[in-house]
Amino acid sequence: MSMALVKEYDKHLDSKTRITLCGATVGYYAVQVFDSGPVLLEPRVLTHPANHSPNASSPYDSTIACASRMKKLLQLFQLNGISILGMGSASASLK
């Protein structure tokens, strides 16, 4: 695979040790730093979640479902004046 040089320029690090890419066409890059000094940037294109397999998204779906259930439970506690942190008008006690 042959690659043609499109642009070549020198850059310096800013005060926060960052480099700004001139005319960057993508927003995300994979960065590889080699022990001999070179740095390789490869563009990364993020995909839409609908393009992922169901197995890849199932852990995220279960986490979101759990968070949703927890939010509903906390709202129920607040409606009944129960504070799980003990800072509300009435504290929940375990018996």
C-alpha atoms as a PDB file:
ATOM      1  CA  MET A   1       0.000   0.000   0.000  1.00  0.00           C
ATOM      2  CA  SER A   2       1.513   3.269  -1.134  1.00  0.00           C
ATOM      3  CA  MET A   3       0.738   6.546   0.575  1.00  0.00           C
ATOM      4  CA  ALA A   4       1.281   9.975  -0.968  1.00  0.00           C
ATOM      5  CA  LEU A   5       2.459  12.875   1.197  1.00  0.00           C
ATOM      6  CA  VAL A   6      -0.325  15.479   1.268  1.00  0.00           C
ATOM      7  CA  LYS A   7       0.973  17.967   3.821  1.00  0.00           C
ATOM      8  CA  GLU A   8       4.140  18.428   5.853  1.00  0.00           C
ATOM      9  CA  TYR A   9       4.683  21.004   8.578  1.00  0.00           C
ATOM     10  CA  ASP A  10       6.489  21.511  11.901  1.00  0.00           C
ATOM     11  CA  LYS A  11       4.583  22.017  15.140  1.00  0.00           C
ATOM     12  CA  HIS A  12       5.586  22.675  18.733  1.00  0.00           C
ATOM     13  CA  LEU A  13       3.988  21.653  22.020  1.00  0.00           C
ATOM     14  CA  ASP A  14       1.906  24.292  23.743  1.00  0.00           C
ATOM     15  CA  SER A  15       2.104  25.004  27.478  1.00  0.00           C
ATOM     16  CA  LYS A  16      -0.107  21.975  28.212  1.00  0.00           C
ATOM     17  CA  THR A  17       2.041  19.663  26.023  1.00  0.00           C
ATOM     18  CA  ARG A  18      -0.532  19.491  23.207  1.00  0.00           C
ATOM     19  CA  ILE A  19      -0.153  19.634  19.438  1.00  0.00           C
ATOM     20  CA  THR A  20      -2.788  21.171  17.170  1.00  0.00           C
ATOM     21  CA  LEU A  21      -3.391  19.435  13.844  1.00  0.00           C
ATOM     22  CA  CYS A  22      -3.927  21.832  10.938  1.00  0.00           C
ATOM     23  CA  GLY A  23      -6.847  20.922   8.690  1.00  0.00           C
ATOM     24  CA  ALA A  24      -7.831  17.781  10.598  1.00  0.00           C
ATOM     25  CA  THR A  25     -10.690  16.012   8.852  1.00  0.00           C
ATOM     26  CA  VAL A  26     -11.800  13.673  11.676  1.00  0.00           C
ATOM     27  CA  GLY A  27     -12.409  14.276  15.363  1.00  0.00           C
ATOM     28  CA  TYR A  28     -10.843  11.130  16.849  1.00  0.00           C
ATOM     29  CA  TYR A  29      -7.414   9.589  16.355  1.00  0.00           C
ATOM     30  CA  ALA A  30      -5.708   6.459  17.602  1.00  0.00           C
ATOM     31  CA  VAL A  31      -2.256   7.440  18.866  1.00  0.00           C
ATOM     32  CA  GLN A  32       0.754   5.125  18.992  1.00  0.00           C
ATOM     33  CA  VAL A  33       4.014   6.339  20.558  1.00  0.00           C
ATOM     34  CA  PHE A  34       7.091   4.249  19.781  1.00  0.00           C
ATOM     35  CA  ASP A  35      10.117   3.929  22.067  1.00  0.00           C
ATOM     36  CA  SER A  36      12.423   5.177  19.281  1.00  0.00           C
ATOM     37  CA  GLY A  37      10.510   8.491  19.120  1.00  0.00           C
ATOM     38  CA  PRO A  38       7.970   8.403  16.259  1.00  0.00           C
ATOM     39  CA  VAL A  39       4.291   9.106  16.944  1.00  0.00           C
ATOM     40  CA  LEU A  40       1.659   7.575  14.657  1.00  0.00           C
ATOM     41  CA  LEU A  41      -1.845   9.059  14.393  1.00  0.00           C
ATOM     42  CA  GLU A  42      -4.554   7.032  12.669  1.00  0.00           C
ATOM     43  CA  PRO A  43      -8.044   8.459  12.140  1.00  0.00           C
ATOM     44  CA  ARG A  44     -10.848   6.654  13.965  1.00  0.00           C
ATOM     45  CA  VAL A  45     -14.438   6.934  12.840  1.00  0.00           C
ATOM     46  CA  LEU A  46     -17.005   6.192  15.535  1.00  0.00           C
ATOM     47  CA  THR A  47     -19.900   3.988  14.492  1.00  0.00           C
ATOM     48  CA  HIS A  48     -23.587   4.367  15.253  1.00  0.00           C
ATOM     49  CA  PRO A  49     -24.790   2.113  18.146  1.00  0.00           C
ATOM     50  CA  ALA A  50     -27.319   0.464  15.822  1.00  0.00           C
ATOM     51  CA  ASN A  51     -24.386  -1.026  13.888  1.00  0.00           C
ATOM     52  CA  HIS A  52     -23.056  -2.890  16.949  1.00  0.00           C
ATOM     53  CA  SER A  53     -23.856  -6.515  17.607  1.00  0.00           C
ATOM     54  CA  PRO A  54     -26.435  -7.294  20.341  1.00  0.00           C
ATOM     55  CA  ASN A  55     -23.741  -9.091  22.356  1.00  0.00           C
ATOM     56  CA  ALA A  56     -21.606  -5.957  22.460  1.00  0.00           C
ATOM     57  CA  SER A  57     -24.403  -3.725  23.722  1.00  0.00           C
ATOM     58  CA  SER A  58     -26.026  -6.065  26.250  1.00  0.00           C
ATOM     59  CA  PRO A  59     -23.793  -5.039  29.205  1.00  0.00           C
ATOM     60  CA  TYR A  60     -24.612  -1.388  28.533  1.00  0.00           C
ATOM     61  CA  ASP A  61     -28.323  -2.099  28.200  1.00  0.00           C
ATOM     62  CA  SER A  62     -28.430  -3.953  31.519  1.00  0.00           C
ATOM     63  CA  THR A  63     -26.496  -1.135  33.247  1.00  0.00           C
ATOM     64  CA  ILE A  64     -28.909   1.463  31.893  1.00  0.00           C
ATOM     65  CA  ALA A  65     -31.917  -0.635  32.951  1.00  0.00           C
ATOM     66  CA  CYS A  66     -30.468  -1.025  36.462  1.00  0.00           C
ATOM     67  CA  ALA A  67     -29.832   2.727  36.729  1.00  0.00           C
ATOM     68  CA  SER A  68     -33.381   3.414  35.600  1.00  0.00           C
ATOM     69  CA  ARG A  69     -34.793   1.081  38.270  1.00  0.00           C
ATOM     70  CA  MET A  70     -32.567   2.705  40.914  1.00  0.00           C
ATOM     71  CA  LYS A  71     -33.758   6.178  39.892  1.00  0.00           C
ATOM     72  CA  LYS A  72     -37.406   5.113  40.230  1.00  0.00           C
ATOM     73  CA  LEU A  73     -36.690   3.588  43.644  1.00  0.00           C
ATOM     74  CA  LEU A  74     -35.001   6.781  44.868  1.00  0.00           C
ATOM     75  CA  GLN A  75     -37.960   8.847  43.635  1.00  0.00           C
ATOM     76  CA  LEU A  76     -40.310   6.548  45.550  1.00  0.00           C
ATOM     77  CA  PHE A  77     -38.223   7.024  48.713  1.00  0.00           C
ATOM     78  CA  GLN A  78     -38.305  10.793  48.284  1.00  0.00           C
ATOM     79  CA  LEU A  79     -42.091  10.793  47.837  1.00  0.00           C
ATOM     80  CA  ASN A  80     -42.457   8.894  51.120  1.00  0.00           C
ATOM     81  CA  GLY A  81     -40.027  11.187  52.961  1.00  0.00           C
ATOM     82  CA  ILE A  82     -37.397   8.474  53.373  1.00  0.00           C
ATOM     83  CA  SER A  83     -33.740   9.389  53.064  1.00  0.00           C
ATOM     84  CA  ILE A  84     -31.281   6.604  52.455  1.00  0.00           C
ATOM     85  CA  LEU A  85     -28.502   8.966  53.522  1.00  0.00           C
ATOM     86  CA  GLY A  86     -30.234   9.858  56.775  1.00  0.00           C
ATOM     87  CA  MET A  87     -30.434  13.550  55.833  1.00  0.00           C
ATOM     88  CA  GLY A  88     -34.150  13.864  54.999  1.00  0.00           C
ATOM     89  CA  SER A  89     -37.162  14.557  57.154  1.00  0.00           C
ATOM     90  CA  ALA A  90     -37.385  10.885  58.143  1.00  0.00           C
ATOM     91  CA  SER A  91     -34.596   8.320  58.079  1.00  0.00           C
ATOM     92  CA  ALA A  92     -35.076   4.773  56.912  1.00  0.00           C
ATOM     93  CA  SER A  93     -34.371   2.297  59.626  1.00  0.00           C
ATOM     94  CA  LEU A  94     -33.525  -1.345  59.131  1.00  0.00           C
ATOM     95  CA  LYS A  95     -35.269  -3.769  61.454  1.00  0.00           C
END
